[in-house]
């Protein structure tokens, strides 16, 4: 059954000073490509109000296999690993499961 065990990802990125516009521009393409993935439920980009160099990604995937497929995708390897990660001071990624209420 689809969406039986969805995984939500919260990724917090601290962008190097002067690089946030470049990261946001790259993320537009990452987001557009990620939502085309069969296991992707959503891909949402947020920017901290208190610190504009802090970006928070909120992503949803059908299951862990879909996350693996995302990380193995050409756009993830090229844009996130190849171009965005060098522009970050730090990043933290938390995988979660939604709790129905």
Protein backbone atom coordinates (compact mmCIF):
# COMPACT_ATOMS: atom_id res chain seq x y z
CA UNK A 1 0.00 0.00 0.00
CA UNK A 2 1.34 3.43 -0.98
CA UNK A 3 2.44 5.85 1.79
CA UNK A 4 2.10 3.20 4.48
CA UNK A 5 5.45 4.05 6.12
CA UNK A 6 6.37 7.54 4.92
CA UNK A 7 9.64 9.08 6.00
CA UNK A 8 9.98 12.83 6.49
CA UNK A 9 13.39 14.47 6.29
CA UNK A 10 14.39 17.67 8.06
CA UNK A 11 17.73 18.95 6.77
CA UNK A 12 19.21 22.10 8.32
CA UNK A 13 21.97 23.73 6.34
CA UNK A 14 24.20 26.55 7.57
CA UNK A 15 25.35 28.29 4.38
CA UNK A 16 28.72 30.03 4.15
CA UNK A 17 28.56 33.81 4.25
CA UNK A 18 27.87 35.21 0.78
CA UNK A 19 26.67 31.91 -0.71
CA UNK A 20 22.98 31.76 0.23
CA UNK A 21 21.68 33.12 -3.09
CA UNK A 22 23.72 30.54 -5.01
CA UNK A 23 22.43 27.73 -2.78
CA UNK A 24 18.82 28.86 -3.13
CA UNK A 25 19.16 29.05 -6.92
CA UNK A 26 20.57 25.50 -7.04
CA UNK A 27 17.81 24.30 -4.71
CA UNK A 28 15.16 25.44 -7.18
CA UNK A 29 16.45 22.83 -9.63
CA UNK A 30 16.96 20.20 -6.92
CA UNK A 31 13.37 20.68 -5.76
CA UNK A 32 11.94 20.57 -9.29
CA UNK A 33 13.81 17.33 -10.04
CA UNK A 34 13.13 15.73 -6.64
CA UNK A 35 9.35 16.06 -6.87
CA UNK A 36 9.49 14.11 -10.15
CA UNK A 37 10.92 11.07 -8.32
CA UNK A 38 8.31 8.28 -8.00
CA UNK A 39 8.81 7.94 -4.22
CA UNK A 40 8.82 11.65 -3.41
CA UNK A 41 5.78 13.02 -1.57
CA UNK A 42 6.95 16.66 -1.31
CA UNK A 43 10.06 18.85 -1.18
CA UNK A 44 9.79 22.15 0.65
CA UNK A 45 12.54 24.77 1.08
CA UNK A 46 12.53 27.16 4.05
CA UNK A 47 14.81 30.03 5.06
CA UNK A 48 15.29 31.09 8.67
CA UNK A 49 13.89 34.51 9.54
CA UNK A 50 16.48 35.00 12.30
CA UNK A 51 19.46 33.90 10.16
CA UNK A 52 19.03 34.06 6.39
CA UNK A 53 22.11 31.82 5.98
CA UNK A 54 20.17 28.94 7.54
CA UNK A 55 18.12 26.83 5.13
CA UNK A 56 15.75 24.09 6.30
CA UNK A 57 14.51 21.46 3.88
CA UNK A 58 11.35 19.51 4.68
CA UNK A 59 11.02 16.47 2.43
CA UNK A 60 8.63 13.55 2.32
CA UNK A 61 9.27 10.11 0.85
CA UNK A 62 7.12 6.99 0.61
CA UNK A 63 9.73 4.85 2.40
CA UNK A 64 13.46 4.46 3.05
CA UNK A 65 14.01 2.97 -0.41
CA UNK A 66 12.69 6.20 -1.92
CA UNK A 67 15.24 8.19 0.12
CA UNK A 68 18.00 5.91 -1.16
CA UNK A 69 16.79 6.46 -4.72
CA UNK A 70 16.82 10.22 -4.11
CA UNK A 71 20.39 10.13 -2.82
CA UNK A 72 21.44 8.01 -5.82
CA UNK A 73 19.85 10.37 -8.35
CA UNK A 74 22.00 12.30 -10.82
CA UNK A 75 20.63 15.69 -9.71
CA UNK A 76 21.36 14.95 -6.03
CA UNK A 77 24.93 13.85 -6.77
CA UNK A 78 25.62 16.70 -9.18
CA UNK A 79 23.86 19.59 -7.47
CA UNK A 80 23.70 18.74 -3.76
CA UNK A 81 26.94 16.81 -3.32
CA UNK A 82 28.92 18.47 -6.10
CA UNK A 83 27.83 22.09 -5.88
CA UNK A 84 25.89 22.83 -2.67
CA UNK A 85 27.83 20.93 0.01
CA UNK A 86 31.04 22.91 -0.67
CA UNK A 87 29.02 26.10 0.04
CA UNK A 88 27.90 24.92 3.50
CA UNK A 89 29.54 25.47 6.87
CA UNK A 90 27.49 22.63 8.35
CA UNK A 91 24.44 20.45 7.85
CA UNK A 92 22.28 18.23 10.00
CA UNK A 93 19.79 15.71 8.63
CA UNK A 94 17.07 14.07 10.72
CA UNK A 95 14.90 11.26 9.35
CA UNK A 96 11.49 11.09 11.03
CA UNK A 97 8.22 9.22 10.83
CA UNK A 98 5.02 11.22 11.08
CA UNK A 99 2.82 10.51 14.08
CA UNK A 100 -0.85 10.56 13.23
CA UNK A 101 -2.99 12.66 15.54
